[in-house]
Amino acid sequence: MLTGKQRSYLRGLANEIQPIFQVGKGGISDNMIKQFNDALEARELVKATVLKNALVDTREVCEEIARQAGAEVVQVIGSKFVLYKESKDNKVIRLP
């Protein structure tokens, strides 16, 4: 569980990164969860966008992906969300 200070720090880091995933009307698939897991292991911090044609709410998508990937929700704003998961082999981010 992230503290407020850690969440704030991660939000600042997430400002500079571009979304690397898009969730559309197909929703969440097993393949998408695997891709999120791989990206979280490599980067630790991932930003994604939920497209307008998606049939689900951004917060619902974010929380479901976080639950299945074992990640922490950092931020949900509009159609974008940010997830964090500490890497096992490739730790780069040092939380305050």
Protein backbone atom coordinates (compact mmCIF):
# COMPACT_ATOMS: atom_id res chain seq x y z
CA MET A 1 0.00 0.00 0.00
CA LEU A 2 1.36 3.38 -1.01
CA THR A 3 1.44 6.34 1.36
CA GLY A 4 0.28 9.79 0.26
CA LYS A 5 3.86 11.00 -0.05
CA GLN A 6 4.85 8.03 -2.21
CA ARG A 7 1.75 8.43 -4.40
CA SER A 8 2.55 12.12 -4.87
CA TYR A 9 6.14 11.30 -5.85
CA LEU A 10 4.95 8.72 -8.40
CA ARG A 11 2.40 11.18 -9.86
CA GLY A 12 5.27 13.60 -10.46
CA LEU A 13 7.26 10.92 -12.28
CA ALA A 14 4.19 9.91 -14.31
CA ASN A 15 3.76 13.46 -15.61
CA GLU A 16 6.74 12.95 -17.89
CA ILE A 17 5.80 9.58 -19.40
CA GLN A 18 3.50 8.88 -22.34
CA PRO A 19 0.66 6.33 -22.24
CA ILE A 20 1.86 2.99 -23.63
CA PHE A 21 -1.46 1.10 -23.51
CA GLN A 22 -4.95 1.77 -24.82
CA VAL A 23 -8.06 -0.01 -23.58
CA GLY A 24 -10.84 -0.02 -26.17
CA LYS A 25 -14.23 -1.60 -26.62
CA GLY A 26 -12.64 -5.06 -26.43
CA GLY A 27 -12.05 -4.43 -22.72
CA ILE A 28 -9.50 -6.32 -20.64
CA SER A 29 -8.10 -9.60 -21.95
CA ASP A 30 -5.64 -12.11 -20.52
CA ASN A 31 -3.10 -10.99 -23.12
CA MET A 32 -3.48 -7.36 -22.01
CA ILE A 33 -2.85 -8.33 -18.36
CA LYS A 34 0.30 -10.21 -19.44
CA GLN A 35 1.49 -7.13 -21.33
CA PHE A 36 0.83 -4.92 -18.31
CA ASN A 37 2.78 -7.36 -16.10
CA ASP A 38 5.72 -7.33 -18.53
CA ALA A 39 5.70 -3.53 -18.79
CA LEU A 40 5.43 -3.09 -15.01
CA GLU A 41 8.37 -5.43 -14.50
CA ALA A 42 10.46 -3.49 -17.01
CA ARG A 43 9.39 0.08 -16.09
CA GLU A 44 7.67 -0.09 -12.66
CA LEU A 45 5.44 2.88 -13.63
CA VAL A 46 2.95 2.58 -16.50
CA LYS A 47 0.43 5.04 -17.92
CA ALA A 48 -2.55 3.92 -20.01
CA THR A 49 -5.55 5.47 -21.75
CA VAL A 50 -9.15 4.25 -21.94
CA LEU A 51 -10.61 5.10 -25.35
CA LYS A 52 -13.98 6.80 -25.75
CA ASN A 53 -15.49 3.74 -27.44
CA ALA A 54 -14.74 1.55 -24.38
CA LEU A 55 -17.81 0.13 -22.71
CA VAL A 56 -16.42 0.48 -19.18
CA ASP A 57 -15.45 3.31 -16.86
CA THR A 58 -11.78 4.35 -16.53
CA ARG A 59 -11.68 3.74 -12.76
CA GLU A 60 -13.23 0.26 -13.14
CA VAL A 61 -10.67 -0.70 -15.81
CA CYS A 62 -7.81 0.67 -13.73
CA GLU A 63 -8.81 -1.16 -10.56
CA GLU A 64 -9.42 -4.45 -12.40
CA ILE A 65 -6.05 -4.35 -14.17
CA ALA A 66 -4.31 -3.38 -10.91
CA ARG A 67 -5.99 -6.29 -9.09
CA GLN A 68 -5.09 -8.85 -11.75
CA ALA A 69 -1.53 -7.56 -12.20
CA GLY A 70 -0.87 -7.09 -8.48
CA ALA A 71 -0.12 -3.39 -8.99
CA GLU A 72 -0.99 -0.21 -7.09
CA VAL A 73 -3.25 2.50 -8.53
CA VAL A 74 -1.32 5.78 -8.49
CA GLN A 75 -3.74 8.09 -10.28
CA VAL A 76 -6.90 8.18 -12.40
CA ILE A 77 -7.59 11.41 -14.26
CA GLY A 78 -10.15 11.63 -17.06
CA SER A 79 -9.45 8.77 -19.44
CA LYS A 80 -5.88 8.13 -18.25
CA PHE A 81 -4.57 6.10 -15.35
CA VAL A 82 -1.19 5.26 -13.83
CA LEU A 83 -0.14 1.99 -12.19
CA TYR A 84 2.94 1.16 -10.11
CA LYS A 85 4.45 -2.20 -9.22
CA GLU A 86 7.89 -2.70 -7.73
CA SER A 87 10.11 -4.66 -10.09
CA LYS A 88 11.75 -7.84 -8.85
CA ASP A 89 14.82 -7.73 -11.12
CA ASN A 90 14.89 -4.22 -12.54
CA LYS A 91 14.27 -1.86 -9.59
CA VAL A 92 14.78 1.76 -10.69
CA ILE A 93 12.35 3.89 -8.68
CA ARG A 94 13.25 4.62 -5.05
CA LEU A 95 10.14 5.58 -3.08
CA PRO A 96 10.46 8.24 -0.34
